[in-house]
């Protein structure tokens, strides 16, 4: 069995990647993702999603990639191209 991709700061970040990869062919509403992964207060969920996205981009090498693998818009997130 393969070991998981190393470097994630939390299981939630790994879950975010899995969800985006499984549903890579469409954008996902940030509010829905935050609610799905974090059941805390609204502002805290959005903050947690921002941190998770930054960690995700770091682990998959997307911060310096051109083009980016993760399309991050004001209202949505989406993996672009083939799933990781």
PDB file of N, CA and C in Angstrom:
ATOM      1  N   UNK A   1       0.838  -1.183   0.000  1.00  0.00           N
ATOM      2  CA  UNK A   1       0.000   0.000   0.000  1.00  0.00           C
ATOM      3  C   UNK A   1       0.886   1.251   0.000  1.00  0.00           C
ATOM      4  N   UNK A   2       0.553   2.223  -0.809  1.00  0.00           N
ATOM      5  CA  UNK A   2       1.325   3.460  -0.874  1.00  0.00           C
ATOM      6  C   UNK A   2       1.093   4.295   0.380  1.00  0.00           C
ATOM      7  N   UNK A   3       2.121   5.033   0.764  1.00  0.00           N
ATOM      8  CA  UNK A   3       1.960   5.932   1.903  1.00  0.00           C
ATOM      9  C   UNK A   3       1.306   7.221   1.418  1.00  0.00           C
ATOM     10  N   UNK A   4       0.590   7.909   2.306  1.00  0.00           N
ATOM     11  CA  UNK A   4      -0.063   9.162   1.917  1.00  0.00           C
ATOM     12  C   UNK A   4       0.958  10.226   1.533  1.00  0.00           C
ATOM     13  N   UNK A   5       0.529  11.170   0.746  1.00  0.00           N
ATOM     14  CA  UNK A   5       1.359  12.297   0.366  1.00  0.00           C
ATOM     15  C   UNK A   5       1.803  13.016   1.638  1.00  0.00           C
ATOM     16  N   UNK A   6       3.113  13.140   1.885  1.00  0.00           N
ATOM     17  CA  UNK A   6       3.588  13.739   3.134  1.00  0.00           C
ATOM     18  C   UNK A   6       3.490  15.268   3.122  1.00  0.00           C
ATOM     19  N   UNK A   7       3.549  15.844   4.305  1.00  0.00           N
ATOM     20  CA  UNK A   7       3.669  17.287   4.422  1.00  0.00           C
ATOM     21  C   UNK A   7       2.410  18.031   4.806  1.00  0.00           C
ATOM     22  N   UNK A   8       1.271  17.370   4.866  1.00  0.00           N
ATOM     23  CA  UNK A   8       0.038  18.064   5.231  1.00  0.00           C
ATOM     24  C   UNK A   8       0.062  18.427   6.704  1.00  0.00           C
ATOM     25  N   UNK A   9      -0.433  19.609   7.026  1.00  0.00           N
ATOM     26  CA  UNK A   9      -0.469  20.041   8.421  1.00  0.00           C
ATOM     27  C   UNK A   9      -1.647  19.437   9.174  1.00  0.00           C
ATOM     28  N   UNK A  10      -2.675  18.976   8.444  1.00  0.00           N
ATOM     29  CA  UNK A  10      -3.834  18.383   9.118  1.00  0.00           C
ATOM     30  C   UNK A  10      -4.553  17.399   8.202  1.00  0.00           C
ATOM     31  N   UNK A  11      -5.373  16.580   8.830  1.00  0.00           N
ATOM     32  CA  UNK A  11      -6.191  15.622   8.092  1.00  0.00           C
ATOM     33  C   UNK A  11      -7.227  16.370   7.238  1.00  0.00           C
ATOM     34  N   UNK A  12      -7.665  17.520   7.699  1.00  0.00           N
ATOM     35  CA  UNK A  12      -8.660  18.309   6.954  1.00  0.00           C
ATOM     36  C   UNK A  12      -8.107  18.753   5.603  1.00  0.00           C
ATOM     37  N   UNK A  13      -6.831  19.075   5.543  1.00  0.00           N
ATOM     38  CA  UNK A  13      -6.226  19.490   4.275  1.00  0.00           C
ATOM     39  C   UNK A  13      -6.196  18.308   3.313  1.00  0.00           C
ATOM     40  N   UNK A  14      -5.867  17.141   3.837  1.00  0.00           N
ATOM     41  CA  UNK A  14      -5.877  15.927   3.027  1.00  0.00           C
ATOM     42  C   UNK A  14      -7.306  15.650   2.532  1.00  0.00           C
ATOM     43  N   UNK A  15      -8.293  15.860   3.390  1.00  0.00           N
ATOM     44  CA  UNK A  15      -9.696  15.660   3.004  1.00  0.00           C
ATOM     45  C   UNK A  15     -10.109  16.664   1.926  1.00  0.00           C
ATOM     46  N   UNK A  16      -9.648  17.899   2.036  1.00  0.00           N
ATOM     47  CA  UNK A  16      -9.943  18.909   1.023  1.00  0.00           C
ATOM     48  C   UNK A  16      -9.385  18.480  -0.331  1.00  0.00           C
ATOM     49  N   UNK A  17      -8.162  18.018  -0.360  1.00  0.00           N
ATOM     50  CA  UNK A  17      -7.563  17.542  -1.602  1.00  0.00           C
ATOM     51  C   UNK A  17      -8.359  16.370  -2.170  1.00  0.00           C
ATOM     52  N   UNK A  18      -8.720  15.413  -1.332  1.00  0.00           N
ATOM     53  CA  UNK A  18      -9.472  14.249  -1.798  1.00  0.00           C
ATOM     54  C   UNK A  18     -10.811  14.662  -2.400  1.00  0.00           C
ATOM     55  N   UNK A  19     -11.491  15.582  -1.753  1.00  0.00           N
ATOM     56  CA  UNK A  19     -12.793  16.038  -2.258  1.00  0.00           C
ATOM     57  C   UNK A  19     -12.634  16.776  -3.581  1.00  0.00           C
ATOM     58  N   UNK A  20     -11.689  17.687  -3.647  1.00  0.00           N
ATOM     59  CA  UNK A  20     -11.481  18.436  -4.893  1.00  0.00           C
ATOM     60  C   UNK A  20     -11.043  17.518  -6.027  1.00  0.00           C
ATOM     61  N   UNK A  21     -10.220  16.509  -5.711  1.00  0.00           N
ATOM     62  CA  UNK A  21      -9.751  15.579  -6.745  1.00  0.00           C
ATOM     63  C   UNK A  21     -10.878  14.675  -7.233  1.00  0.00           C
ATOM     64  N   UNK A  22     -11.718  14.232  -6.314  1.00  0.00           N
ATOM     65  CA  UNK A  22     -12.833  13.358  -6.693  1.00  0.00           C
ATOM     66  C   UNK A  22     -13.858  14.102  -7.551  1.00  0.00           C
ATOM     67  N   UNK A  23     -13.971  15.376  -7.348  1.00  0.00           N
ATOM     68  CA  UNK A  23     -14.934  16.213  -8.063  1.00  0.00           C
ATOM     69  C   UNK A  23     -14.211  17.304  -8.841  1.00  0.00           C
ATOM     70  N   UNK A  24     -13.105  16.941  -9.510  1.00  0.00           N
ATOM     71  CA  UNK A  24     -12.233  17.946 -10.125  1.00  0.00           C
ATOM     72  C   UNK A  24     -12.837  18.643 -11.339  1.00  0.00           C
ATOM     73  N   UNK A  25     -13.865  18.087 -11.909  1.00  0.00           N
ATOM     74  CA  UNK A  25     -14.401  18.623 -13.158  1.00  0.00           C
ATOM     75  C   UNK A  25     -15.361  19.795 -12.978  1.00  0.00           C
ATOM     76  N   UNK A  26     -15.493  20.285 -11.742  1.00  0.00           N
ATOM     77  CA  UNK A  26     -16.392  21.422 -11.514  1.00  0.00           C
ATOM     78  C   UNK A  26     -15.901  22.273 -10.348  1.00  0.00           C
ATOM     79  N   UNK A  27     -16.268  23.553 -10.354  1.00  0.00           N
ATOM     80  CA  UNK A  27     -15.899  24.416  -9.223  1.00  0.00           C
ATOM     81  C   UNK A  27     -16.750  24.086  -7.996  1.00  0.00           C
ATOM     82  N   UNK A  28     -16.170  24.340  -6.816  1.00  0.00           N
ATOM     83  CA  UNK A  28     -16.855  24.080  -5.548  1.00  0.00           C
ATOM     84  C   UNK A  28     -16.959  25.366  -4.760  1.00  0.00           C
ATOM     85  N   UNK A  29     -18.142  25.654  -4.311  1.00  0.00           N
ATOM     86  CA  UNK A  29     -18.415  26.852  -3.534  1.00  0.00           C
ATOM     87  C   UNK A  29     -17.622  26.823  -2.229  1.00  0.00           C
ATOM     88  N   UNK A  30     -16.913  27.918  -1.951  1.00  0.00           N
ATOM     89  CA  UNK A  30     -16.087  27.995  -0.733  1.00  0.00           C
ATOM     90  C   UNK A  30     -16.924  27.823   0.529  1.00  0.00           C
ATOM     91  N   UNK A  31     -18.088  28.426   0.558  1.00  0.00           N
ATOM     92  CA  UNK A  31     -18.966  28.312   1.733  1.00  0.00           C
ATOM     93  C   UNK A  31     -19.331  26.853   1.988  1.00  0.00           C
ATOM     94  N   UNK A  32     -19.660  26.120   0.933  1.00  0.00           N
ATOM     95  CA  UNK A  32     -20.024  24.710   1.069  1.00  0.00           C
ATOM     96  C   UNK A  32     -18.844  23.883   1.549  1.00  0.00           C
ATOM     97  N   UNK A  33     -17.667  24.138   0.996  1.00  0.00           N
ATOM     98  CA  UNK A  33     -16.471  23.409   1.425  1.00  0.00           C
ATOM     99  C   UNK A  33     -16.155  23.682   2.894  1.00  0.00           C
ATOM    100  N   UNK A  34     -16.242  24.940   3.283  1.00  0.00           N
ATOM    101  CA  UNK A  34     -15.951  25.303   4.673  1.00  0.00           C
ATOM    102  C   UNK A  34     -16.945  24.637   5.619  1.00  0.00           C
ATOM    103  N   UNK A  35     -18.203  24.605   5.238  1.00  0.00           N
ATOM    104  CA  UNK A  35     -19.230  23.976   6.072  1.00  0.00           C
ATOM    105  C   UNK A  35     -19.040  22.470   6.133  1.00  0.00           C
ATOM    106  N   UNK A  36     -18.658  21.871   5.023  1.00  0.00           N
ATOM    107  CA  UNK A  36     -18.433  20.432   4.971  1.00  0.00           C
ATOM    108  C   UNK A  36     -17.287  20.001   5.887  1.00  0.00           C
ATOM    109  N   UNK A  37     -16.219  20.770   5.907  1.00  0.00           N
ATOM    110  CA  UNK A  37     -15.018  20.371   6.642  1.00  0.00           C
ATOM    111  C   UNK A  37     -14.921  20.904   8.065  1.00  0.00           C
ATOM    112  N   UNK A  38     -15.547  22.036   8.352  1.00  0.00           N
ATOM    113  CA  UNK A  38     -15.445  22.639   9.685  1.00  0.00           C
ATOM    114  C   UNK A  38     -16.825  23.020  10.182  1.00  0.00           C
ATOM    115  N   UNK A  39     -17.162  22.560  11.363  1.00  0.00           N
ATOM    116  CA  UNK A  39     -18.479  22.836  11.932  1.00  0.00           C
ATOM    117  C   UNK A  39     -18.436  23.955  12.963  1.00  0.00           C
ATOM    118  N   UNK A  40     -17.376  24.756  12.938  1.00  0.00           N
ATOM    119  CA  UNK A  40     -17.223  25.856  13.890  1.00  0.00           C
ATOM    120  C   UNK A  40     -17.941  27.099  13.358  1.00  0.00           C
ATOM    121  N   UNK A  41     -17.793  28.221  14.050  1.00  0.00           N
ATOM    122  CA  UNK A  41     -18.436  29.463  13.639  1.00  0.00           C
ATOM    123  C   UNK A  41     -18.085  29.873  12.214  1.00  0.00           C
ATOM    124  N   UNK A  42     -18.951  30.643  11.589  1.00  0.00           N
ATOM    125  CA  UNK A  42     -18.815  30.999  10.169  1.00  0.00           C
ATOM    126  C   UNK A  42     -17.472  31.635   9.840  1.00  0.00           C
ATOM    127  N   UNK A  43     -17.055  32.647  10.591  1.00  0.00           N
ATOM    128  CA  UNK A  43     -15.800  33.319  10.273  1.00  0.00           C
ATOM    129  C   UNK A  43     -14.604  32.393  10.471  1.00  0.00           C
ATOM    130  N   UNK A  44     -14.676  31.558  11.475  1.00  0.00           N
ATOM    131  CA  UNK A  44     -13.595  30.617  11.726  1.00  0.00           C
ATOM    132  C   UNK A  44     -13.494  29.591  10.594  1.00  0.00           C
ATOM    133  N   UNK A  45     -14.609  29.135  10.057  1.00  0.00           N
ATOM    134  CA  UNK A  45     -14.598  28.176   8.942  1.00  0.00           C
ATOM    135  C   UNK A  45     -13.865  28.752   7.747  1.00  0.00           C
ATOM    136  N   UNK A  46     -14.154  30.006   7.426  1.00  0.00           N
ATOM    137  CA  UNK A  46     -13.519  30.639   6.271  1.00  0.00           C
ATOM    138  C   UNK A  46     -12.018  30.810   6.495  1.00  0.00           C
ATOM    139  N   UNK A  47     -11.651  31.149   7.697  1.00  0.00           N
ATOM    140  CA  UNK A  47     -10.232  31.272   8.034  1.00  0.00           C
ATOM    141  C   UNK A  47      -9.548  29.916   7.927  1.00  0.00           C
ATOM    142  N   UNK A  48     -10.188  28.888   8.447  1.00  0.00           N
ATOM    143  CA  UNK A  48      -9.630  27.537   8.371  1.00  0.00           C
ATOM    144  C   UNK A  48      -9.477  27.090   6.915  1.00  0.00           C
ATOM    145  N   UNK A  49     -10.441  27.419   6.073  1.00  0.00           N
ATOM    146  CA  UNK A  49     -10.357  27.062   4.655  1.00  0.00           C
ATOM    147  C   UNK A  49      -9.193  27.786   3.986  1.00  0.00           C
ATOM    148  N   UNK A  50      -8.976  29.046   4.316  1.00  0.00           N
ATOM    149  CA  UNK A  50      -7.838  29.786   3.750  1.00  0.00           C
ATOM    150  C   UNK A  50      -6.511  29.139   4.147  1.00  0.00           C
ATOM    151  N   UNK A  51      -6.382  28.781   5.418  1.00  0.00           N
ATOM    152  CA  UNK A  51      -5.155  28.117   5.875  1.00  0.00           C
ATOM    153  C   UNK A  51      -4.987  26.761   5.194  1.00  0.00           C
ATOM    154  N   UNK A  52      -6.073  26.018   5.082  1.00  0.00           N
ATOM    155  CA  UNK A  52      -6.012  24.695   4.448  1.00  0.00           C
ATOM    156  C   UNK A  52      -5.611  24.818   2.987  1.00  0.00           C
ATOM    157  N   UNK A  53      -6.143  25.807   2.297  1.00  0.00           N
ATOM    158  CA  UNK A  53      -5.805  26.007   0.893  1.00  0.00           C
ATOM    159  C   UNK A  53      -4.331  26.376   0.740  1.00  0.00           C
ATOM    160  N   UNK A  54      -3.826  27.215   1.610  1.00  0.00           N
ATOM    161  CA  UNK A  54      -2.405  27.587   1.556  1.00  0.00           C
ATOM    162  C   UNK A  54      -1.527  26.354   1.782  1.00  0.00           C
ATOM    163  N   UNK A  55      -1.895  25.514   2.743  1.00  0.00           N
ATOM    164  CA  UNK A  55      -1.134  24.298   3.004  1.00  0.00           C
ATOM    165  C   UNK A  55      -1.236  23.327   1.823  1.00  0.00           C
ATOM    166  N   UNK A  56      -2.415  23.180   1.271  1.00  0.00           N
ATOM    167  CA  UNK A  56      -2.618  22.310   0.111  1.00  0.00           C
ATOM    168  C   UNK A  56      -1.735  22.743  -1.052  1.00  0.00           C
ATOM    169  N   UNK A  57      -1.736  24.026  -1.345  1.00  0.00           N
ATOM    170  CA  UNK A  57      -0.922  24.542  -2.452  1.00  0.00           C
ATOM    171  C   UNK A  57       0.561  24.315  -2.206  1.00  0.00           C
ATOM    172  N   UNK A  58       0.982  24.439  -0.952  1.00  0.00           N
ATOM    173  CA  UNK A  58       2.387  24.203  -0.613  1.00  0.00           C
ATOM    174  C   UNK A  58       2.753  22.734  -0.851  1.00  0.00           C
ATOM    175  N   UNK A  59       1.922  21.825  -0.362  1.00  0.00           N
ATOM    176  CA  UNK A  59       2.223  20.398  -0.450  1.00  0.00           C
ATOM    177  C   UNK A  59       2.230  19.898  -1.897  1.00  0.00           C
ATOM    178  N   UNK A  60       1.291  20.351  -2.711  1.00  0.00           N
ATOM    179  CA  UNK A  60       1.233  19.861  -4.095  1.00  0.00           C
ATOM    180  C   UNK A  60       2.109  20.677  -5.039  1.00  0.00           C
ATOM    181  N   UNK A  61       2.811  21.675  -4.488  1.00  0.00           N
ATOM    182  CA  UNK A  61       3.721  22.477  -5.303  1.00  0.00           C
ATOM    183  C   UNK A  61       3.021  23.447  -6.225  1.00  0.00           C
ATOM    184  N   UNK A  62       1.846  23.894  -5.829  1.00  0.00           N
ATOM    185  CA  UNK A  62       1.034  24.749  -6.693  1.00  0.00           C
ATOM    186  C   UNK A  62       1.373  26.231  -6.573  1.00  0.00           C
ATOM    187  N   UNK A  63       2.014  26.629  -5.488  1.00  0.00           N
ATOM    188  CA  UNK A  63       2.305  28.064  -5.304  1.00  0.00           C
ATOM    189  C   UNK A  63       3.230  28.595  -6.385  1.00  0.00           C
ATOM    190  N   UNK A  64       4.172  27.770  -6.826  1.00  0.00           N
ATOM    191  CA  UNK A  64       5.134  28.214  -7.835  1.00  0.00           C
ATOM    192  C   UNK A  64       4.847  27.632  -9.216  1.00  0.00           C
ATOM    193  N   UNK A  65       3.757  26.888  -9.346  1.00  0.00           N
ATOM    194  CA  UNK A  65       3.437  26.232 -10.620  1.00  0.00           C
ATOM    195  C   UNK A  65       2.852  27.229 -11.619  1.00  0.00           C
ATOM    196  N   UNK A  66       3.091  26.943 -12.884  1.00  0.00           N
ATOM    197  CA  UNK A  66       2.491  27.739 -13.939  1.00  0.00           C
ATOM    198  C   UNK A  66       2.141  26.806 -15.085  1.00  0.00           C
ATOM    199  N   UNK A  67       0.897  26.587 -15.376  1.00  0.00           N
ATOM    200  CA  UNK A  67      -0.277  27.139 -14.698  1.00  0.00           C
ATOM    201  C   UNK A  67      -0.539  26.428 -13.365  1.00  0.00           C
ATOM    202  N   UNK A  68      -1.365  27.060 -12.547  1.00  0.00           N
ATOM    203  CA  UNK A  68      -1.716  26.494 -11.249  1.00  0.00           C
ATOM    204  C   UNK A  68      -2.608  25.269 -11.431  1.00  0.00           C
ATOM    205  N   UNK A  69      -2.499  24.345 -10.487  1.00  0.00           N
ATOM    206  CA  UNK A  69      -3.355  23.166 -10.455  1.00  0.00           C
ATOM    207  C   UNK A  69      -4.670  23.491  -9.779  1.00  0.00           C
ATOM    208  N   UNK A  70      -4.637  24.398  -8.837  1.00  0.00           N
ATOM    209  CA  UNK A  70      -5.828  24.765  -8.074  1.00  0.00           C
ATOM    210  C   UNK A  70      -6.279  26.165  -8.480  1.00  0.00           C
ATOM    211  N   UNK A  71      -7.482  26.243  -9.026  1.00  0.00           N
ATOM    212  CA  UNK A  71      -8.062  27.525  -9.398  1.00  0.00           C
ATOM    213  C   UNK A  71      -8.814  28.051  -8.183  1.00  0.00           C
ATOM    214  N   UNK A  72      -8.347  29.154  -7.650  1.00  0.00           N
ATOM    215  CA  UNK A  72      -8.924  29.735  -6.447  1.00  0.00           C
ATOM    216  C   UNK A  72      -9.547  31.081  -6.800  1.00  0.00           C
ATOM    217  N   UNK A  73     -10.870  31.109  -6.779  1.00  0.00           N
ATOM    218  CA  UNK A  73     -11.610  32.342  -7.050  1.00  0.00           C
ATOM    219  C   UNK A  73     -12.283  32.811  -5.763  1.00  0.00           C
ATOM    220  N   UNK A  74     -12.833  33.988  -5.799  1.00  0.00           N
ATOM    221  CA  UNK A  74     -13.462  34.566  -4.609  1.00  0.00           C
ATOM    222  C   UNK A  74     -14.536  33.654  -4.012  1.00  0.00           C
ATOM    223  N   UNK A  75     -15.339  33.033  -4.855  1.00  0.00           N
ATOM    224  CA  UNK A  75     -16.457  32.215  -4.384  1.00  0.00           C
ATOM    225  C   UNK A  75     -16.247  30.713  -4.526  1.00  0.00           C
ATOM    226  N   UNK A  76     -15.184  30.292  -5.232  1.00  0.00           N
ATOM    227  CA  UNK A  76     -15.054  28.859  -5.498  1.00  0.00           C
ATOM    228  C   UNK A  76     -13.597  28.387  -5.572  1.00  0.00           C
ATOM    229  N   UNK A  77     -13.454  27.065  -5.476  1.00  0.00           N
ATOM    230  CA  UNK A  77     -12.169  26.382  -5.646  1.00  0.00           C
ATOM    231  C   UNK A  77     -12.380  25.243  -6.629  1.00  0.00           C
ATOM    232  N   UNK A  78     -11.338  24.948  -7.409  1.00  0.00           N
ATOM    233  CA  UNK A  78     -11.428  23.839  -8.354  1.00  0.00           C
ATOM    234  C   UNK A  78     -10.034  23.366  -8.722  1.00  0.00           C
ATOM    235  N   UNK A  79      -9.854  22.045  -8.794  1.00  0.00           N
ATOM    236  CA  UNK A  79      -8.634  21.514  -9.375  1.00  0.00           C
ATOM    237  C   UNK A  79      -8.808  21.537 -10.880  1.00  0.00           C
ATOM    238  N   UNK A  80      -7.761  21.917 -11.571  1.00  0.00           N
ATOM    239  CA  UNK A  80      -7.810  22.058 -13.027  1.00  0.00           C
ATOM    240  C   UNK A  80      -7.027  20.919 -13.661  1.00  0.00           C
ATOM    241  N   UNK A  81      -7.528  20.405 -14.747  1.00  0.00           N
ATOM    242  CA  UNK A  81      -6.838  19.334 -15.445  1.00  0.00           C
ATOM    243  C   UNK A  81      -7.095  18.007 -14.805  1.00  0.00           C
ATOM    244  N   UNK A  82      -6.128  17.123 -14.919  1.00  0.00           N
ATOM    245  CA  UNK A  82      -6.280  15.771 -14.397  1.00  0.00           C
ATOM    246  C   UNK A  82      -6.152  15.783 -12.881  1.00  0.00           C
ATOM    247  N   UNK A  83      -6.896  14.901 -12.209  1.00  0.00           N
ATOM    248  CA  UNK A  83      -6.775  14.820 -10.750  1.00  0.00           C
ATOM    249  C   UNK A  83      -5.383  14.392 -10.342  1.00  0.00           C
ATOM    250  N   UNK A  84      -4.980  14.776  -9.157  1.00  0.00           N
ATOM    251  CA  UNK A  84      -3.656  14.462  -8.620  1.00  0.00           C
ATOM    252  C   UNK A  84      -3.612  12.992  -8.250  1.00  0.00           C
TER     253      UNK A  84
END
